[in-house]
Amino acid sequence: MTQNRPWIPYLLILPSVVFLALLFIVPLVQTIWLSVSDNGAPSLANMQRMVTDINFGRSVKNTFLLTIAVVPVQLAIAIAMGTMVAKIGRGRETILWIWTIPLGISDLAAGLVWLSILQNTGYFNSLLFSLGVISRQASWLSYQTPVALFIAIAVAEIWRGTAIVMVIIVAGLNQVPKEFKEAAEIFGAGPWTRFWKITLPLIRPALQSALILRTVLAFEVFAVVYALGGRNFPVLVGEAYNWQNQNQNYGVAAAYAVLIMVISLAATLIYLKAIKVDPERLP
C-alpha cells in the first residue's frame, strides 16, 4: 500500500512535525533572537548585562557545584539500588514502587517537604534538640550558613531525582543476559569482577541515558532551590526567572535560557563522546 502511496508515511508524521515546530522550534528561535537583539536590532547588550549581573558568577558556580555534587551520588545510589532490585525475586515490584515514590512528587512539593524538615522549627532541629546535640534552634537554610544550605539542597535533590536514574539502570540491568554472568561465575569470577567486567560494560547505554538526563535536569534545577534557599542560593534558572518576572527584562532572561541550553548541549556531547556505545558489542 505504501509503495503505491509513498506520501502516506509523511502524512502520518505530519502532526508530530507540526507539534514540534510550533511548541519547540519556533519558541527556540524566538528565544535565541530575543537574547541577541535589542529593540529588534542585533545586539549583544542582553548578553553583556547577563555576565555583568551581580548574581551571574554565583549562579554559574552554584549550578555547576550542585551538578557535580548531585549527579555522581545519584548514579552510585541508583546502581546500588538497581542491583539490589535485580536480585530480589518475590516482592520486587513492591520495593521498586516504594523507591520510586519521589517520582510522583513535584519539584516544588519536594522542596516544601524538605523545608518543613530543615526549617528552624522543623523535625531535624527537634530531633537534634531531643538528643542533646544542640541546645537551641540551628539555622540550616540561612545565607549565614552557605555550606549547610548547599548540603540541604543537594540532599533534597538526591532524594528527589535518584528514582528516575534507578528506573533507567534497572531497565539496563534487565537486558544483561544471565548466561554471561553464569559463564563468568563458572570460570571463577567474583561478584566485583562480574560487575566491572560484564554488568557495567553491558549497561553503558543505560548509564549514558541516565547521566545525560540527570545532568540536564540538574542544570535546570529551580523549584527545590527556590523553596529552600530563595535568593540566598542563586542558580541559572532562578536568575532567568527573576529577570523574567521581577525585573521584566525578557532579553536578559532569554540570554540566561540560551546559556543553560548551550551548557546542557555541551554536557550531552561530552557524555556521548566519553561513554561510547558500540551496538555490535551489546547483547
C-alpha atoms as a PDB file:
ATOM      1  CA  MET A   1       0.000   0.000   0.000  1.00  0.00           C
ATOM      2  CA  THR A   2       2.774   2.423   0.914  1.00  0.00           C
ATOM      3  CA  GLN A   3       4.583   1.556  -2.318  1.00  0.00           C
ATOM      4  CA  ASN A   4       1.626   2.849  -4.322  1.00  0.00           C
ATOM      5  CA  ARG A   5       1.166   5.825  -1.987  1.00  0.00           C
ATOM      6  CA  PRO A   6       4.642   6.928  -0.835  1.00  0.00           C
ATOM      7  CA  TRP A   7       3.217  10.077   0.733  1.00  0.00           C
ATOM      8  CA  ILE A   8       1.354   8.161   3.471  1.00  0.00           C
ATOM      9  CA  PRO A   9       4.331   7.904   5.909  1.00  0.00           C
ATOM     10  CA  TYR A  10       4.939  11.646   5.569  1.00  0.00           C
ATOM     11  CA  LEU A  11       1.261  12.316   6.205  1.00  0.00           C
ATOM     12  CA  LEU A  12       1.358  10.196   9.358  1.00  0.00           C
ATOM     13  CA  ILE A  13       4.314  12.065  10.851  1.00  0.00           C
ATOM     14  CA  LEU A  14       2.993  15.476   9.810  1.00  0.00           C
ATOM     15  CA  PRO A  15       1.090  16.115  13.100  1.00  0.00           C
ATOM     16  CA  SER A  16       4.245  15.388  15.109  1.00  0.00           C
ATOM     17  CA  VAL A  17       6.316  17.676  12.897  1.00  0.00           C
ATOM     18  CA  VAL A  18       3.772  20.495  13.243  1.00  0.00           C
ATOM     19  CA  PHE A  19       3.590  19.970  17.003  1.00  0.00           C
ATOM     20  CA  LEU A  20       7.387  20.018  17.294  1.00  0.00           C
ATOM     21  CA  ALA A  21       7.680  23.123  15.133  1.00  0.00           C
ATOM     22  CA  LEU A  22       5.019  25.114  16.979  1.00  0.00           C
ATOM     23  CA  LEU A  23       5.955  24.170  20.538  1.00  0.00           C
ATOM     24  CA  PHE A  24       9.737  23.793  20.270  1.00  0.00           C
ATOM     25  CA  ILE A  25      11.452  25.112  17.166  1.00  0.00           C
ATOM     26  CA  VAL A  26       9.553  28.406  16.905  1.00  0.00           C
ATOM     27  CA  PRO A  27       9.915  29.278  20.627  1.00  0.00           C
ATOM     28  CA  LEU A  28      13.586  28.259  20.477  1.00  0.00           C
ATOM     29  CA  VAL A  29      14.294  30.570  17.547  1.00  0.00           C
ATOM     30  CA  GLN A  30      12.376  33.384  19.238  1.00  0.00           C
ATOM     31  CA  THR A  31      14.311  32.929  22.481  1.00  0.00           C
ATOM     32  CA  ILE A  32      17.672  32.952  20.711  1.00  0.00           C
ATOM     33  CA  TRP A  33      16.717  36.061  18.732  1.00  0.00           C
ATOM     34  CA  LEU A  34      15.433  37.778  21.877  1.00  0.00           C
ATOM     35  CA  SER A  35      18.751  37.122  23.617  1.00  0.00           C
ATOM     36  CA  VAL A  36      20.880  38.609  20.811  1.00  0.00           C
ATOM     37  CA  SER A  37      18.705  41.576  19.882  1.00  0.00           C
ATOM     38  CA  ASP A  38      17.713  44.914  21.346  1.00  0.00           C
ATOM     39  CA  ASN A  39      14.644  46.784  20.106  1.00  0.00           C
ATOM     40  CA  GLY A  40      14.513  44.499  17.077  1.00  0.00           C
ATOM     41  CA  ALA A  41      18.150  45.038  16.043  1.00  0.00           C
ATOM     42  CA  PRO A  42      21.040  42.574  16.513  1.00  0.00           C
ATOM     43  CA  SER A  43      22.858  43.368  19.740  1.00  0.00           C
ATOM     44  CA  LEU A  44      24.868  41.682  22.486  1.00  0.00           C
ATOM     45  CA  ALA A  45      23.553  44.069  25.139  1.00  0.00           C
ATOM     46  CA  ASN A  46      21.500  41.354  26.838  1.00  0.00           C
ATOM     47  CA  MET A  47      24.481  39.006  26.973  1.00  0.00           C
ATOM     48  CA  GLN A  48      26.668  41.771  28.389  1.00  0.00           C
ATOM     49  CA  ARG A  49      24.095  42.647  31.010  1.00  0.00           C
ATOM     50  CA  MET A  50      23.801  38.981  31.953  1.00  0.00           C
ATOM     51  CA  VAL A  51      27.530  38.448  32.515  1.00  0.00           C
ATOM     52  CA  THR A  52      27.805  41.708  34.482  1.00  0.00           C
ATOM     53  CA  ASP A  53      24.849  40.797  36.690  1.00  0.00           C
ATOM     54  CA  ILE A  54      25.887  40.684  40.348  1.00  0.00           C
ATOM     55  CA  ASN A  55      24.487  37.150  40.728  1.00  0.00           C
ATOM     56  CA  PHE A  56      25.803  35.745  37.433  1.00  0.00           C
ATOM     57  CA  GLY A  57      29.071  34.355  38.784  1.00  0.00           C
ATOM     58  CA  ARG A  58      27.436  32.885  41.879  1.00  0.00           C
ATOM     59  CA  SER A  59      24.622  31.323  39.871  1.00  0.00           C
ATOM     60  CA  VAL A  60      27.068  29.656  37.467  1.00  0.00           C
ATOM     61  CA  LYS A  61      29.230  28.417  40.343  1.00  0.00           C
ATOM     62  CA  ASN A  62      26.287  27.133  42.377  1.00  0.00           C
ATOM     63  CA  THR A  63      24.714  25.383  39.393  1.00  0.00           C
ATOM     64  CA  PHE A  64      27.936  23.589  38.465  1.00  0.00           C
ATOM     65  CA  LEU A  65      28.807  22.691  42.068  1.00  0.00           C
ATOM     66  CA  LEU A  66      25.325  21.317  42.643  1.00  0.00           C
ATOM     67  CA  THR A  67      25.501  19.267  39.451  1.00  0.00           C
ATOM     68  CA  ILE A  68      28.949  17.903  40.315  1.00  0.00           C
ATOM     69  CA  ALA A  69      27.828  17.022  43.839  1.00  0.00           C
ATOM     70  CA  VAL A  70      24.449  15.519  42.987  1.00  0.00           C
ATOM     71  CA  VAL A  71      24.793  13.554  39.736  1.00  0.00           C
ATOM     72  CA  PRO A  72      27.632  11.153  40.744  1.00  0.00           C
ATOM     73  CA  VAL A  73      25.956  10.402  44.077  1.00  0.00           C
ATOM     74  CA  GLN A  74      22.633   9.767  42.367  1.00  0.00           C
ATOM     75  CA  LEU A  75      24.289   7.448  39.856  1.00  0.00           C
ATOM     76  CA  ALA A  76      26.114   5.477  42.560  1.00  0.00           C
ATOM     77  CA  ILE A  77      22.975   5.108  44.679  1.00  0.00           C
ATOM     78  CA  ALA A  78      20.888   4.191  41.629  1.00  0.00           C
ATOM     79  CA  ILE A  79      23.343   1.471  40.567  1.00  0.00           C
ATOM     80  CA  ALA A  80      23.394   0.031  44.095  1.00  0.00           C
ATOM     81  CA  MET A  81      19.601   0.139  44.387  1.00  0.00           C
ATOM     82  CA  GLY A  82      19.128  -1.219  40.871  1.00  0.00           C
ATOM     83  CA  THR A  83      21.490  -4.121  41.556  1.00  0.00           C
ATOM     84  CA  MET A  84      19.586  -4.938  44.745  1.00  0.00           C
ATOM     85  CA  VAL A  85      16.235  -4.810  42.947  1.00  0.00           C
ATOM     86  CA  ALA A  86      17.546  -7.032  40.138  1.00  0.00           C
ATOM     87  CA  LYS A  87      18.493  -9.719  42.680  1.00  0.00           C
ATOM     88  CA  ILE A  88      15.173  -9.649  44.504  1.00  0.00           C
ATOM     89  CA  GLY A  89      12.615 -12.235  43.487  1.00  0.00           C
ATOM     90  CA  ARG A  90       9.385 -12.005  45.429  1.00  0.00           C
ATOM     91  CA  GLY A  91       8.201  -8.503  46.293  1.00  0.00           C
ATOM     92  CA  ARG A  92      10.443  -6.862  43.713  1.00  0.00           C
ATOM     93  CA  GLU A  93       7.657  -4.747  42.213  1.00  0.00           C
ATOM     94  CA  THR A  94       6.586  -3.502  45.651  1.00  0.00           C
ATOM     95  CA  ILE A  95      10.094  -2.417  46.611  1.00  0.00           C
ATOM     96  CA  LEU A  96      10.612  -0.775  43.235  1.00  0.00           C
ATOM     97  CA  TRP A  97       7.316   1.083  43.650  1.00  0.00           C
ATOM     98  CA  ILE A  98       8.278   2.331  47.125  1.00  0.00           C
ATOM     99  CA  TRP A  99      11.666   3.562  45.928  1.00  0.00           C
ATOM    100  CA  THR A 100      10.088   5.428  43.025  1.00  0.00           C
ATOM    101  CA  ILE A 101       7.570   7.349  45.159  1.00  0.00           C
ATOM    102  CA  PRO A 102       9.607  10.604  44.827  1.00  0.00           C
ATOM    103  CA  LEU A 103       8.884  10.498  41.073  1.00  0.00           C
ATOM    104  CA  GLY A 104       5.248  11.258  41.846  1.00  0.00           C
ATOM    105  CA  ILE A 105       6.120  14.399  43.813  1.00  0.00           C
ATOM    106  CA  SER A 106       6.578  17.698  42.023  1.00  0.00           C
ATOM    107  CA  ASP A 107       9.824  19.623  42.403  1.00  0.00           C
ATOM    108  CA  LEU A 108       8.186  22.355  44.465  1.00  0.00           C
ATOM    109  CA  ALA A 109       6.393  19.854  46.694  1.00  0.00           C
ATOM    110  CA  ALA A 110       9.699  18.064  47.315  1.00  0.00           C
ATOM    111  CA  GLY A 111      11.284  21.388  48.263  1.00  0.00           C
ATOM    112  CA  LEU A 112       8.441  22.151  50.666  1.00  0.00           C
ATOM    113  CA  VAL A 113       8.786  18.705  52.253  1.00  0.00           C
ATOM    114  CA  TRP A 114      12.447  19.335  52.995  1.00  0.00           C
ATOM    115  CA  LEU A 115      11.679  22.886  54.095  1.00  0.00           C
ATOM    116  CA  SER A 116       9.340  21.515  56.760  1.00  0.00           C
ATOM    117  CA  ILE A 117      12.135  19.200  57.901  1.00  0.00           C
ATOM    118  CA  LEU A 118      15.035  21.657  57.910  1.00  0.00           C
ATOM    119  CA  GLN A 119      13.467  24.965  58.921  1.00  0.00           C
ATOM    120  CA  ASN A 120      14.196  26.354  62.391  1.00  0.00           C
ATOM    121  CA  THR A 121      11.116  24.747  63.920  1.00  0.00           C
ATOM    122  CA  GLY A 122      11.332  21.639  61.757  1.00  0.00           C
ATOM    123  CA  TYR A 123      11.712  17.968  62.572  1.00  0.00           C
ATOM    124  CA  PHE A 124      15.502  17.893  62.167  1.00  0.00           C
ATOM    125  CA  ASN A 125      16.107  20.568  64.801  1.00  0.00           C
ATOM    126  CA  SER A 126      13.580  18.930  67.119  1.00  0.00           C
ATOM    127  CA  LEU A 127      15.372  15.587  66.765  1.00  0.00           C
ATOM    128  CA  LEU A 128      18.815  17.074  67.427  1.00  0.00           C
ATOM    129  CA  PHE A 129      17.480  19.013  70.417  1.00  0.00           C
ATOM    130  CA  SER A 130      15.832  15.924  71.923  1.00  0.00           C
ATOM    131  CA  LEU A 131      19.106  14.003  71.537  1.00  0.00           C
ATOM    132  CA  GLY A 132      21.047  16.791  73.223  1.00  0.00           C
ATOM    133  CA  VAL A 133      23.155  17.536  70.148  1.00  0.00           C
ATOM    134  CA  ILE A 134      22.091  21.203  70.058  1.00  0.00           C
ATOM    135  CA  SER A 135      20.940  23.498  72.857  1.00  0.00           C
ATOM    136  CA  ARG A 136      18.932  25.892  70.682  1.00  0.00           C
ATOM    137  CA  GLN A 137      17.421  26.022  67.233  1.00  0.00           C
ATOM    138  CA  ALA A 138      20.017  25.929  64.451  1.00  0.00           C
ATOM    139  CA  SER A 139      19.568  27.719  61.133  1.00  0.00           C
ATOM    140  CA  TRP A 140      20.329  25.381  58.233  1.00  0.00           C
ATOM    141  CA  LEU A 141      18.820  27.406  55.404  1.00  0.00           C
ATOM    142  CA  SER A 142      20.239  30.866  56.077  1.00  0.00           C
ATOM    143  CA  TYR A 143      22.637  32.908  53.956  1.00  0.00           C
ATOM    144  CA  GLN A 144      24.863  32.912  57.047  1.00  0.00           C
ATOM    145  CA  THR A 145      25.339  29.131  56.715  1.00  0.00           C
ATOM    146  CA  PRO A 146      26.056  28.660  52.978  1.00  0.00           C
ATOM    147  CA  VAL A 147      27.647  25.226  53.389  1.00  0.00           C
ATOM    148  CA  ALA A 148      24.653  23.875  55.313  1.00  0.00           C
ATOM    149  CA  LEU A 149      22.301  25.405  52.741  1.00  0.00           C
ATOM    150  CA  PHE A 150      24.232  23.787  49.888  1.00  0.00           C
ATOM    151  CA  ILE A 151      24.198  20.385  51.597  1.00  0.00           C
ATOM    152  CA  ALA A 152      20.466  20.696  52.304  1.00  0.00           C
ATOM    153  CA  ILE A 153      19.679  21.472  48.666  1.00  0.00           C
ATOM    154  CA  ALA A 154      21.973  18.676  47.457  1.00  0.00           C
ATOM    155  CA  VAL A 155      20.345  16.128  49.783  1.00  0.00           C
ATOM    156  CA  ALA A 156      16.867  17.207  48.682  1.00  0.00           C
ATOM    157  CA  GLU A 157      17.856  16.907  45.010  1.00  0.00           C
ATOM    158  CA  ILE A 158      19.451  13.497  45.562  1.00  0.00           C
ATOM    159  CA  TRP A 159      16.316  12.260  47.318  1.00  0.00           C
ATOM    160  CA  ARG A 160      14.037  13.675  44.636  1.00  0.00           C
ATOM    161  CA  GLY A 161      15.911  12.680  41.475  1.00  0.00           C
ATOM    162  CA  THR A 162      17.614   9.363  42.215  1.00  0.00           C
ATOM    163  CA  ALA A 163      14.494   7.327  41.457  1.00  0.00           C
ATOM    164  CA  ILE A 164      14.434   8.188  37.746  1.00  0.00           C
ATOM    165  CA  VAL A 165      18.089   7.182  37.443  1.00  0.00           C
ATOM    166  CA  MET A 166      17.350   3.903  39.211  1.00  0.00           C
ATOM    167  CA  VAL A 167      14.475   3.122  36.831  1.00  0.00           C
ATOM    168  CA  ILE A 168      16.791   3.584  33.843  1.00  0.00           C
ATOM    169  CA  ILE A 169      19.519   1.463  35.465  1.00  0.00           C
ATOM    170  CA  VAL A 170      17.054  -1.317  36.313  1.00  0.00           C
ATOM    171  CA  ALA A 171      15.899  -1.346  32.691  1.00  0.00           C
ATOM    172  CA  GLY A 172      19.529  -1.687  31.612  1.00  0.00           C
ATOM    173  CA  LEU A 173      20.241  -4.461  34.115  1.00  0.00           C
ATOM    174  CA  ASN A 174      17.255  -6.425  32.840  1.00  0.00           C
ATOM    175  CA  GLN A 175      18.895  -6.503  29.391  1.00  0.00           C
ATOM    176  CA  VAL A 176      22.059  -8.215  30.669  1.00  0.00           C
ATOM    177  CA  PRO A 177      21.873 -11.924  29.689  1.00  0.00           C
ATOM    178  CA  LYS A 178      22.056 -14.277  32.653  1.00  0.00           C
ATOM    179  CA  GLU A 179      24.213 -16.614  30.572  1.00  0.00           C
ATOM    180  CA  PHE A 180      27.099 -14.113  30.671  1.00  0.00           C
ATOM    181  CA  LYS A 181      27.054 -13.950  34.465  1.00  0.00           C
ATOM    182  CA  GLU A 182      26.683 -17.708  34.812  1.00  0.00           C
ATOM    183  CA  ALA A 183      29.620 -18.324  32.475  1.00  0.00           C
ATOM    184  CA  ALA A 184      31.795 -15.854  34.388  1.00  0.00           C
ATOM    185  CA  GLU A 185      30.832 -17.491  37.675  1.00  0.00           C
ATOM    186  CA  ILE A 186      31.770 -20.913  36.313  1.00  0.00           C
ATOM    187  CA  PHE A 187      35.208 -19.575  35.375  1.00  0.00           C
ATOM    188  CA  GLY A 188      35.703 -18.314  38.925  1.00  0.00           C
ATOM    189  CA  ALA A 189      34.922 -14.607  38.554  1.00  0.00           C
ATOM    190  CA  GLY A 190      33.863 -12.990  41.815  1.00  0.00           C
ATOM    191  CA  PRO A 191      30.957 -10.559  42.289  1.00  0.00           C
ATOM    192  CA  TRP A 192      33.097  -7.439  41.762  1.00  0.00           C
ATOM    193  CA  THR A 193      34.784  -8.904  38.701  1.00  0.00           C
ATOM    194  CA  ARG A 194      31.428  -9.836  37.185  1.00  0.00           C
ATOM    195  CA  PHE A 195      30.120  -6.351  37.883  1.00  0.00           C
ATOM    196  CA  TRP A 196      33.115  -4.456  36.437  1.00  0.00           C
ATOM    197  CA  LYS A 197      33.819  -6.766  33.504  1.00  0.00           C
ATOM    198  CA  ILE A 198      30.317  -7.832  32.465  1.00  0.00           C
ATOM    199  CA  THR A 199      27.481  -5.839  34.010  1.00  0.00           C
ATOM    200  CA  LEU A 200      28.929  -2.340  33.797  1.00  0.00           C
ATOM    201  CA  PRO A 201      30.030  -2.542  30.134  1.00  0.00           C
ATOM    202  CA  LEU A 202      26.669  -4.004  29.085  1.00  0.00           C
ATOM    203  CA  ILE A 203      24.628  -1.250  30.746  1.00  0.00           C
ATOM    204  CA  ARG A 204      26.582   1.552  29.075  1.00  0.00           C
ATOM    205  CA  PRO A 205      23.514   2.677  27.056  1.00  0.00           C
ATOM    206  CA  ALA A 206      21.513   2.978  30.276  1.00  0.00           C
ATOM    207  CA  LEU A 207      24.360   4.815  32.005  1.00  0.00           C
ATOM    208  CA  GLN A 208      24.667   7.194  29.084  1.00  0.00           C
ATOM    209  CA  SER A 209      20.943   7.964  29.072  1.00  0.00           C
ATOM    210  CA  ALA A 210      20.783   8.351  32.853  1.00  0.00           C
ATOM    211  CA  LEU A 211      23.775  10.688  33.003  1.00  0.00           C
ATOM    212  CA  ILE A 212      22.520  12.870  30.164  1.00  0.00           C
ATOM    213  CA  LEU A 213      19.025  13.127  31.637  1.00  0.00           C
ATOM    214  CA  ARG A 214      20.102  13.851  35.209  1.00  0.00           C
ATOM    215  CA  THR A 215      22.840  16.299  34.223  1.00  0.00           C
ATOM    216  CA  VAL A 216      20.467  18.308  32.045  1.00  0.00           C
ATOM    217  CA  LEU A 217      17.853  18.310  34.809  1.00  0.00           C
ATOM    218  CA  ALA A 218      20.500  19.319  37.359  1.00  0.00           C
ATOM    219  CA  PHE A 219      21.421  22.345  35.255  1.00  0.00           C
ATOM    220  CA  GLU A 220      17.709  23.226  35.209  1.00  0.00           C
ATOM    221  CA  VAL A 221      17.157  22.896  38.973  1.00  0.00           C
ATOM    222  CA  PHE A 222      14.973  25.645  40.374  1.00  0.00           C
ATOM    223  CA  ALA A 223      11.915  24.730  42.458  1.00  0.00           C
ATOM    224  CA  VAL A 224      13.794  22.872  45.209  1.00  0.00           C
ATOM    225  CA  VAL A 225      16.387  25.654  45.403  1.00  0.00           C
ATOM    226  CA  TYR A 226      13.699  28.332  45.461  1.00  0.00           C
ATOM    227  CA  ALA A 227      11.782  26.571  48.248  1.00  0.00           C
ATOM    228  CA  LEU A 228      14.821  26.006  50.463  1.00  0.00           C
ATOM    229  CA  GLY A 229      17.130  28.918  49.719  1.00  0.00           C
ATOM    230  CA  GLY A 230      15.264  31.524  47.704  1.00  0.00           C
ATOM    231  CA  ARG A 231      17.648  34.275  46.593  1.00  0.00           C
ATOM    232  CA  ASN A 232      20.256  33.105  49.116  1.00  0.00           C
ATOM    233  CA  PHE A 233      21.357  30.388  46.671  1.00  0.00           C
ATOM    234  CA  PRO A 234      21.207  31.768  43.118  1.00  0.00           C
ATOM    235  CA  VAL A 235      21.184  29.293  40.230  1.00  0.00           C
ATOM    236  CA  LEU A 236      20.937  29.875  36.481  1.00  0.00           C
ATOM    237  CA  VAL A 237      17.258  29.022  36.092  1.00  0.00           C
ATOM    238  CA  GLY A 238      16.442  31.078  39.168  1.00  0.00           C
ATOM    239  CA  GLU A 239      18.158  34.118  37.666  1.00  0.00           C
ATOM    240  CA  ALA A 240      16.271  33.625  34.404  1.00  0.00           C
ATOM    241  CA  TYR A 241      13.042  33.524  36.413  1.00  0.00           C
ATOM    242  CA  ASN A 242      13.913  36.685  38.341  1.00  0.00           C
ATOM    243  CA  TRP A 243      14.834  38.646  35.220  1.00  0.00           C
ATOM    244  CA  GLN A 244      11.645  37.459  33.520  1.00  0.00           C
ATOM    245  CA  ASN A 245       9.133  38.064  36.315  1.00  0.00           C
ATOM    246  CA  GLN A 246      10.654  40.532  38.770  1.00  0.00           C
ATOM    247  CA  ASN A 247      12.793  42.721  36.530  1.00  0.00           C
ATOM    248  CA  GLN A 248      10.521  42.333  33.483  1.00  0.00           C
ATOM    249  CA  ASN A 249      13.605  42.123  31.268  1.00  0.00           C
ATOM    250  CA  TYR A 250      12.830  39.379  28.781  1.00  0.00           C
ATOM    251  CA  GLY A 251      16.058  39.828  26.832  1.00  0.00           C
ATOM    252  CA  VAL A 252      18.342  39.030  29.776  1.00  0.00           C
ATOM    253  CA  ALA A 253      16.045  36.174  30.813  1.00  0.00           C
ATOM    254  CA  ALA A 254      16.349  34.785  27.283  1.00  0.00           C
ATOM    255  CA  ALA A 255      20.139  35.136  27.497  1.00  0.00           C
ATOM    256  CA  TYR A 256      20.145  33.004  30.651  1.00  0.00           C
ATOM    257  CA  ALA A 257      17.910  30.440  28.921  1.00  0.00           C
ATOM    258  CA  VAL A 258      20.257  30.244  25.930  1.00  0.00           C
ATOM    259  CA  LEU A 259      23.245  29.820  28.260  1.00  0.00           C
ATOM    260  CA  ILE A 260      21.523  26.934  30.047  1.00  0.00           C
ATOM    261  CA  MET A 261      20.737  25.315  26.693  1.00  0.00           C
ATOM    262  CA  VAL A 262      24.345  25.652  25.497  1.00  0.00           C
ATOM    263  CA  ILE A 263      25.704  24.159  28.730  1.00  0.00           C
ATOM    264  CA  SER A 264      23.219  21.265  28.538  1.00  0.00           C
ATOM    265  CA  LEU A 265      24.109  20.536  24.910  1.00  0.00           C
ATOM    266  CA  ALA A 266      27.822  20.646  25.741  1.00  0.00           C
ATOM    267  CA  ALA A 267      27.331  18.198  28.617  1.00  0.00           C
ATOM    268  CA  THR A 268      25.326  15.893  26.348  1.00  0.00           C
ATOM    269  CA  LEU A 269      28.045  15.884  23.698  1.00  0.00           C
ATOM    270  CA  ILE A 270      30.686  15.154  26.340  1.00  0.00           C
ATOM    271  CA  TYR A 271      28.727  12.145  27.605  1.00  0.00           C
ATOM    272  CA  LEU A 272      28.112  10.870  24.074  1.00  0.00           C
ATOM    273  CA  LYS A 273      31.840  11.117  23.402  1.00  0.00           C
ATOM    274  CA  ALA A 274      33.037   9.739  26.746  1.00  0.00           C
ATOM    275  CA  ILE A 275      30.545   6.870  27.061  1.00  0.00           C
ATOM    276  CA  LYS A 276      30.562   5.397  23.588  1.00  0.00           C
ATOM    277  CA  VAL A 277      28.058   2.658  22.873  1.00  0.00           C
ATOM    278  CA  ASP A 278      29.012   0.012  20.320  1.00  0.00           C
ATOM    279  CA  PRO A 279      25.802  -1.708  19.119  1.00  0.00           C
ATOM    280  CA  GLU A 280      27.791  -4.712  17.884  1.00  0.00           C
ATOM    281  CA  ARG A 281      29.040  -5.453  21.417  1.00  0.00           C
ATOM    282  CA  LEU A 282      25.613  -5.267  23.019  1.00  0.00           C
ATOM    283  CA  PRO A 283      23.635  -8.460  23.692  1.00  0.00           C
END
